[in-house]
């Protein structure tokens, strides 16, 4: 195998792994929250966790599953992701997220590494497939961070996703 294909396959594998980890954190956050907490918002200019999850599902499906395979039609309604109010339970959101990410990961694992430099077929953006995939993972990480922050605020719990980095408490 040549170095170029090896790097491309490593990139696809890494992106798949990151989506798995990030979605597991979002899933864990959803499991800690009540329906009201999932749909709480500080104001109309802010999104509820539920909206962020719907948005992540729509983004991943459109920009990976639909744009990189012929198996998934693009049926995304981005405005609806943000307009929704209290429409799904935390469990339903968890299932939607798991399905969207599993579909995206399957697409990435089957995607030919030699096609990463092709132009991506997505609305509004002119970039390569590799740039598109990276943008999706980066976008997923940003919104997962928002979900984690909101979960900590709402539950007053430490999430412990990096237990090996836990600070030692100062002795009194």
Foldseek 3Di string as FASTA:
>chain_A
DDPLQVVLLVLLVVLLVLLVLLLVLLLVLLVLDWLCQQQDDPDLVDAGVQLLLLQLLLLLCQLALCFQDVPGPNPDDNVCSRVDGSPDTSVVSSVSNVVSSVSRSVRSNPGRSVQQQPFTPHPPDTGGSSVSSVVSSVSSVVSSVVSQVSSCVVPVDDSPPPVVPDDDDDDD
